Amino acid sequence: MQNFGKIKNTFNNILVESMMTKDADKKALFSKYIKSIKENEVLKTQFLVYNNIETKVEKNELRATEFVKECIALFNGFDKVVIAEANTKLMGLISSEKSVEEYGDSQLHESISKLIFEKKSASNLDSVLEAQSYIVNHIMNNEPKMVSEKIDLPMSMVSSMFVDTYNKKYETLTESDKKVLKVIIDSTDAEKVELYSNIIRECIDLIDAKLVEADLESKDKLLKVKDKLLNDTKEINEDFIGKISKLVDLKSGLIEN
């Protein structure tokens, strides 16, 4: 698998589906994807290059062209076989029956892949330059595009080409899920801890309110949950997505019941 753009958007889709359906397996799968990118310089470089090109807005042709050249130059230190192997391994996280998904302009992804994997030669110079020109034209004609209020996905993980698709498909997400999704994708560890801590405090406040009129059996259960929340370590680790999702579910349950 050479086209990292398709891989990236497949995992984006998995994350949003996991938030919408409360699917723990998909949340865990996305956590593995993020961990793989953080730990592998090849994957991290591809992630940044594809995302930067997808979202770049530059009306000046010379600057846009130089931007593309500098992005592709980042791969000079990587063996092309190693890049392809890293992508194949990343796709191995997804079951064989799961297809790689493509949204929007597939030619942009194919053009980026061509520049990464094909070395210029007399026989392919025209096609390589055509791919570069296509990317430059995309950047020059690109416009900043905000994700609608119906789904607050940050641009760090979803390029402007796919916003309309996501807005329509995931408009049923709750406000809590949207906020959690944004923090998972587009925040520092400190911001993750802050949101996590805030949700814990909100849950504790809801429990305290319920304790006032709860019967003995209910009080016992509520106090056990409160004690667990008070002793939470608030660590940012591989289980973070699952932990914060459970907190959101707990908060929703306390509000509804």
Protein backbone atom coordinates (compact mmCIF):
# COMPACT_ATOMS: atom_id res chain seq x y z
CA MET A 1 0.00 0.00 0.00
CA GLN A 2 1.63 3.24 -1.15
CA ASN A 3 -1.19 5.75 -0.83
CA PHE A 4 -1.10 6.99 2.75
CA GLY A 5 -3.89 9.49 2.05
CA LYS A 6 -6.42 6.69 1.69
CA ILE A 7 -5.14 5.02 4.85
CA LYS A 8 -5.41 8.24 6.85
CA ASN A 9 -8.99 8.87 5.85
CA THR A 10 -9.98 5.28 6.53
CA PHE A 11 -8.83 5.69 10.13
CA ASN A 12 -10.50 9.11 10.39
CA ASN A 13 -13.73 7.40 9.45
CA ILE A 14 -13.16 4.66 12.01
CA LEU A 15 -12.70 7.21 14.78
CA VAL A 16 -15.86 9.17 14.04
CA GLU A 17 -17.87 5.95 13.67
CA SER A 18 -16.56 4.80 17.04
CA MET A 19 -17.77 8.00 18.68
CA MET A 20 -21.16 7.75 17.02
CA THR A 21 -21.76 4.08 17.82
CA LYS A 22 -19.80 3.86 21.11
CA ASP A 23 -17.81 1.03 19.55
CA ALA A 24 -14.94 0.23 21.95
CA ASP A 25 -13.13 -1.93 19.40
CA LYS A 26 -12.98 0.90 16.88
CA LYS A 27 -11.78 3.32 19.56
CA ALA A 28 -9.01 0.90 20.47
CA LEU A 29 -8.13 0.48 16.79
CA PHE A 30 -7.77 4.23 16.33
CA SER A 31 -5.57 4.40 19.43
CA LYS A 32 -3.25 1.82 17.85
CA TYR A 33 -3.17 3.90 14.66
CA ILE A 34 -2.13 7.05 16.55
CA LYS A 35 0.47 5.09 18.52
CA SER A 36 1.90 3.67 15.29
CA ILE A 37 2.24 7.15 13.77
CA LYS A 38 3.90 8.58 16.87
CA GLU A 39 6.42 5.75 17.05
CA ASN A 40 7.32 5.52 13.35
CA GLU A 41 9.12 8.44 11.69
CA VAL A 42 8.09 7.29 8.20
CA LEU A 43 4.39 7.26 9.09
CA LYS A 44 4.66 10.52 11.01
CA THR A 45 6.29 12.25 8.02
CA GLN A 46 3.64 10.96 5.63
CA PHE A 47 0.85 12.04 7.95
CA LEU A 48 2.21 15.59 8.14
CA VAL A 49 2.94 15.87 4.41
CA TYR A 50 -0.45 14.61 3.23
CA ASN A 51 -2.29 16.72 5.75
CA ASN A 52 -0.24 19.86 5.03
CA ILE A 53 -0.81 19.57 1.29
CA GLU A 54 -4.52 18.81 1.67
CA THR A 55 -5.12 21.91 3.80
CA LYS A 56 -2.54 24.33 2.38
CA VAL A 57 -3.87 27.59 0.94
CA GLU A 58 -1.43 29.60 -1.19
CA LYS A 59 -2.41 31.76 -4.16
CA ASN A 60 1.16 32.45 -5.32
CA GLU A 61 2.26 29.77 -7.78
CA LEU A 62 5.98 30.06 -7.02
CA ARG A 63 5.48 29.71 -3.27
CA ALA A 64 3.00 26.85 -3.77
CA THR A 65 5.49 25.03 -6.01
CA GLU A 66 8.32 25.48 -3.52
CA PHE A 67 6.06 24.28 -0.73
CA VAL A 68 5.32 21.07 -2.62
CA LYS A 69 9.00 20.49 -3.39
CA GLU A 70 9.99 20.98 0.24
CA CYS A 71 7.25 18.60 1.43
CA ILE A 72 8.39 15.84 -0.94
CA ALA A 73 12.06 16.48 -0.09
CA LEU A 74 11.27 15.33 3.46
CA PHE A 75 11.24 11.77 2.11
CA ASN A 76 14.76 11.90 0.68
CA GLY A 77 16.15 10.13 3.71
CA PHE A 78 13.70 7.22 3.54
CA ASP A 79 13.98 4.11 1.41
CA LYS A 80 10.84 3.76 -0.71
CA VAL A 81 10.54 0.08 0.17
CA VAL A 82 10.58 0.99 3.87
CA ILE A 83 7.81 3.54 3.30
CA ALA A 84 5.61 0.99 1.51
CA GLU A 85 6.28 -1.61 4.21
CA ALA A 86 5.33 0.84 6.96
CA ASN A 87 2.05 1.60 5.18
CA THR A 88 1.28 -2.07 4.68
CA LYS A 89 1.92 -2.77 8.35
CA LEU A 90 -0.36 0.11 9.34
CA MET A 91 -3.13 -1.26 7.15
CA GLY A 92 -2.59 -4.61 8.85
CA LEU A 93 -4.35 -3.14 11.89
CA ILE A 94 -7.59 -3.28 9.90
CA SER A 95 -9.26 -6.59 9.23
CA SER A 96 -8.91 -7.96 5.72
CA GLU A 97 -12.57 -7.37 4.93
CA LYS A 98 -12.27 -3.66 5.74
CA SER A 99 -11.67 -1.69 2.55
CA VAL A 100 -9.49 1.38 2.28
CA GLU A 101 -11.83 4.34 1.92
CA GLU A 102 -11.43 7.30 -0.40
CA TYR A 103 -13.27 10.59 -0.15
CA GLY A 104 -13.12 13.63 -2.38
CA ASP A 105 -10.21 14.15 -4.80
CA SER A 106 -8.43 10.80 -5.13
CA GLN A 107 -6.19 12.26 -7.84
CA LEU A 108 -4.57 14.52 -5.24
CA HIS A 109 -3.57 11.51 -3.14
CA GLU A 110 -2.33 9.65 -6.20
CA SER A 111 -0.30 12.68 -7.26
CA ILE A 112 1.33 12.99 -3.82
CA SER A 113 2.12 9.28 -3.86
CA LYS A 114 3.67 9.55 -7.32
CA LEU A 115 6.02 12.32 -6.21
CA ILE A 116 7.05 10.34 -3.14
CA PHE A 117 7.67 7.01 -4.84
CA GLU A 118 8.74 7.86 -8.39
CA LYS A 119 12.19 9.27 -9.09
CA LYS A 120 12.35 11.67 -12.03
CA SER A 121 13.73 10.15 -15.20
CA ALA A 122 13.57 10.81 -18.92
CA SER A 123 10.78 8.26 -19.30
CA ASN A 124 8.46 9.56 -16.56
CA LEU A 125 9.32 13.27 -16.40
CA ASP A 126 6.05 14.37 -17.98
CA SER A 127 3.86 12.35 -15.60
CA VAL A 128 5.84 13.43 -12.53
CA LEU A 129 5.61 17.10 -13.50
CA GLU A 130 1.92 16.66 -14.22
CA ALA A 131 1.43 15.27 -10.72
CA GLN A 132 3.33 18.19 -9.22
CA SER A 133 1.27 20.65 -11.26
CA TYR A 134 -1.96 19.04 -10.07
CA ILE A 135 -0.91 19.44 -6.43
CA VAL A 136 0.17 23.05 -6.97
CA ASN A 137 -3.18 23.84 -8.62
CA HIS A 138 -4.99 22.26 -5.68
CA ILE A 139 -3.10 24.49 -3.25
CA MET A 140 -3.66 27.62 -5.35
CA ASN A 141 -7.39 26.95 -5.68
CA ASN A 142 -7.89 25.65 -2.17
CA GLU A 143 -10.01 27.67 0.23
CA PRO A 144 -10.13 27.57 4.02
CA LYS A 145 -13.17 25.52 4.90
CA MET A 146 -14.69 25.26 8.33
CA VAL A 147 -16.39 22.14 9.60
CA SER A 148 -20.00 22.94 10.35
CA GLU A 149 -21.30 23.24 13.89
CA LYS A 150 -23.04 19.92 13.44
CA ILE A 151 -19.71 18.10 13.69
CA ASP A 152 -16.69 19.81 15.19
CA LEU A 153 -13.89 17.86 13.53
CA PRO A 154 -10.58 19.78 13.52
CA MET A 155 -8.69 20.32 10.30
CA SER A 156 -5.57 18.58 11.66
CA MET A 157 -7.11 15.23 10.80
CA VAL A 158 -9.75 15.97 8.17
CA SER A 159 -8.82 18.00 5.10
CA SER A 160 -11.19 20.54 3.59
CA MET A 161 -12.06 18.14 0.76
CA PHE A 162 -13.85 15.81 3.15
CA VAL A 163 -15.68 18.29 5.38
CA ASP A 164 -19.02 18.07 3.57
CA THR A 165 -18.96 14.27 3.73
CA TYR A 166 -18.26 14.25 7.46
CA ASN A 167 -20.72 17.03 8.23
CA LYS A 168 -23.56 15.12 6.60
CA LYS A 169 -22.68 11.63 7.81
CA TYR A 170 -22.03 12.44 11.47
CA GLU A 171 -24.55 15.14 12.27
CA THR A 172 -26.10 12.84 14.88
CA LEU A 173 -23.11 13.04 17.24
CA THR A 174 -23.94 14.55 20.63
CA GLU A 175 -22.29 17.77 21.74
CA SER A 176 -20.27 15.85 24.34
CA ASP A 177 -19.01 13.41 21.72
CA LYS A 178 -18.04 16.27 19.41
CA LYS A 179 -16.01 17.91 22.14
CA VAL A 180 -14.31 14.65 23.08
CA LEU A 181 -13.59 13.88 19.43
CA LYS A 182 -11.95 17.26 18.94
CA VAL A 183 -9.75 16.83 22.01
CA ILE A 184 -8.73 13.30 21.02
CA ILE A 185 -7.60 14.46 17.60
CA ASP A 186 -6.42 18.00 17.99
CA SER A 187 -5.03 18.82 21.44
CA THR A 188 -2.02 18.53 23.69
CA ASP A 189 -1.80 16.08 26.58
CA ALA A 190 -2.40 18.99 28.96
CA GLU A 191 -5.64 19.85 27.17
CA LYS A 192 -6.70 16.21 27.27
CA VAL A 193 -6.10 16.12 31.03
CA GLU A 194 -8.07 19.34 31.46
CA LEU A 195 -11.12 18.01 29.62
CA TYR A 196 -10.88 14.66 31.40
CA SER A 197 -10.69 16.40 34.79
CA ASN A 198 -13.61 18.66 33.95
CA ILE A 199 -15.82 15.70 33.03
CA ILE A 200 -14.85 13.95 36.27
CA ARG A 201 -15.83 17.04 38.28
CA GLU A 202 -19.14 17.27 36.41
CA CYS A 203 -19.86 13.61 37.17
CA ILE A 204 -19.04 14.10 40.85
CA ASP A 205 -21.33 17.15 41.04
CA LEU A 206 -24.14 15.12 39.46
CA ILE A 207 -23.56 12.28 41.92
CA ASP A 208 -23.60 14.68 44.89
CA ALA A 209 -26.92 16.05 43.71
CA LYS A 210 -28.38 12.55 43.43
CA LEU A 211 -27.10 11.50 46.84
CA VAL A 212 -29.43 13.98 48.54
CA GLU A 213 -32.58 12.02 47.72
CA ALA A 214 -31.17 8.55 46.92
CA ASP A 215 -32.20 5.46 48.88
CA LEU A 216 -29.58 3.43 50.76
CA GLU A 217 -28.90 0.98 47.93
CA SER A 218 -28.54 3.75 45.38
CA LYS A 219 -26.34 5.79 47.72
CA ASP A 220 -23.99 2.85 48.12
CA LYS A 221 -23.61 2.49 44.35
CA LEU A 222 -23.21 6.22 43.81
CA LEU A 223 -20.57 6.52 46.53
CA LYS A 224 -18.57 3.67 45.02
CA VAL A 225 -18.60 5.41 41.64
CA LYS A 226 -17.66 8.72 43.27
CA ASP A 227 -14.78 7.11 45.11
CA LYS A 228 -13.47 5.62 41.87
CA LEU A 229 -13.66 9.03 40.18
CA LEU A 230 -11.86 10.76 43.04
CA ASN A 231 -9.03 8.25 42.82
CA ASP A 232 -8.67 8.38 39.03
CA THR A 233 -5.03 9.03 38.06
CA LYS A 234 -5.98 11.04 34.94
CA GLU A 235 -3.13 9.49 32.96
CA ILE A 236 -2.88 10.01 29.20
CA ASN A 237 -2.08 6.56 27.85
CA GLU A 238 -3.28 4.04 25.25
CA ASP A 239 -6.54 3.63 27.17
CA PHE A 240 -7.38 7.34 27.10
CA ILE A 241 -9.98 7.15 24.32
CA GLY A 242 -11.81 4.33 26.06
CA LYS A 243 -11.60 6.01 29.48
CA ILE A 244 -12.89 9.39 28.39
CA SER A 245 -15.65 7.76 26.33
CA LYS A 246 -16.81 5.85 29.43
CA LEU A 247 -16.79 9.11 31.38
CA VAL A 248 -18.98 10.78 28.78
CA ASP A 249 -21.36 7.82 28.91
CA LEU A 250 -21.41 8.02 32.73
CA LYS A 251 -22.19 11.72 32.63
CA SER A 252 -25.01 11.14 30.13
CA GLY A 253 -26.42 8.37 32.30
CA LEU A 254 -26.34 10.55 35.42
CA ILE A 255 -28.16 13.32 33.60
CA GLU A 256 -30.83 11.07 32.09
CA ASN A 257 -31.56 8.96 35.20
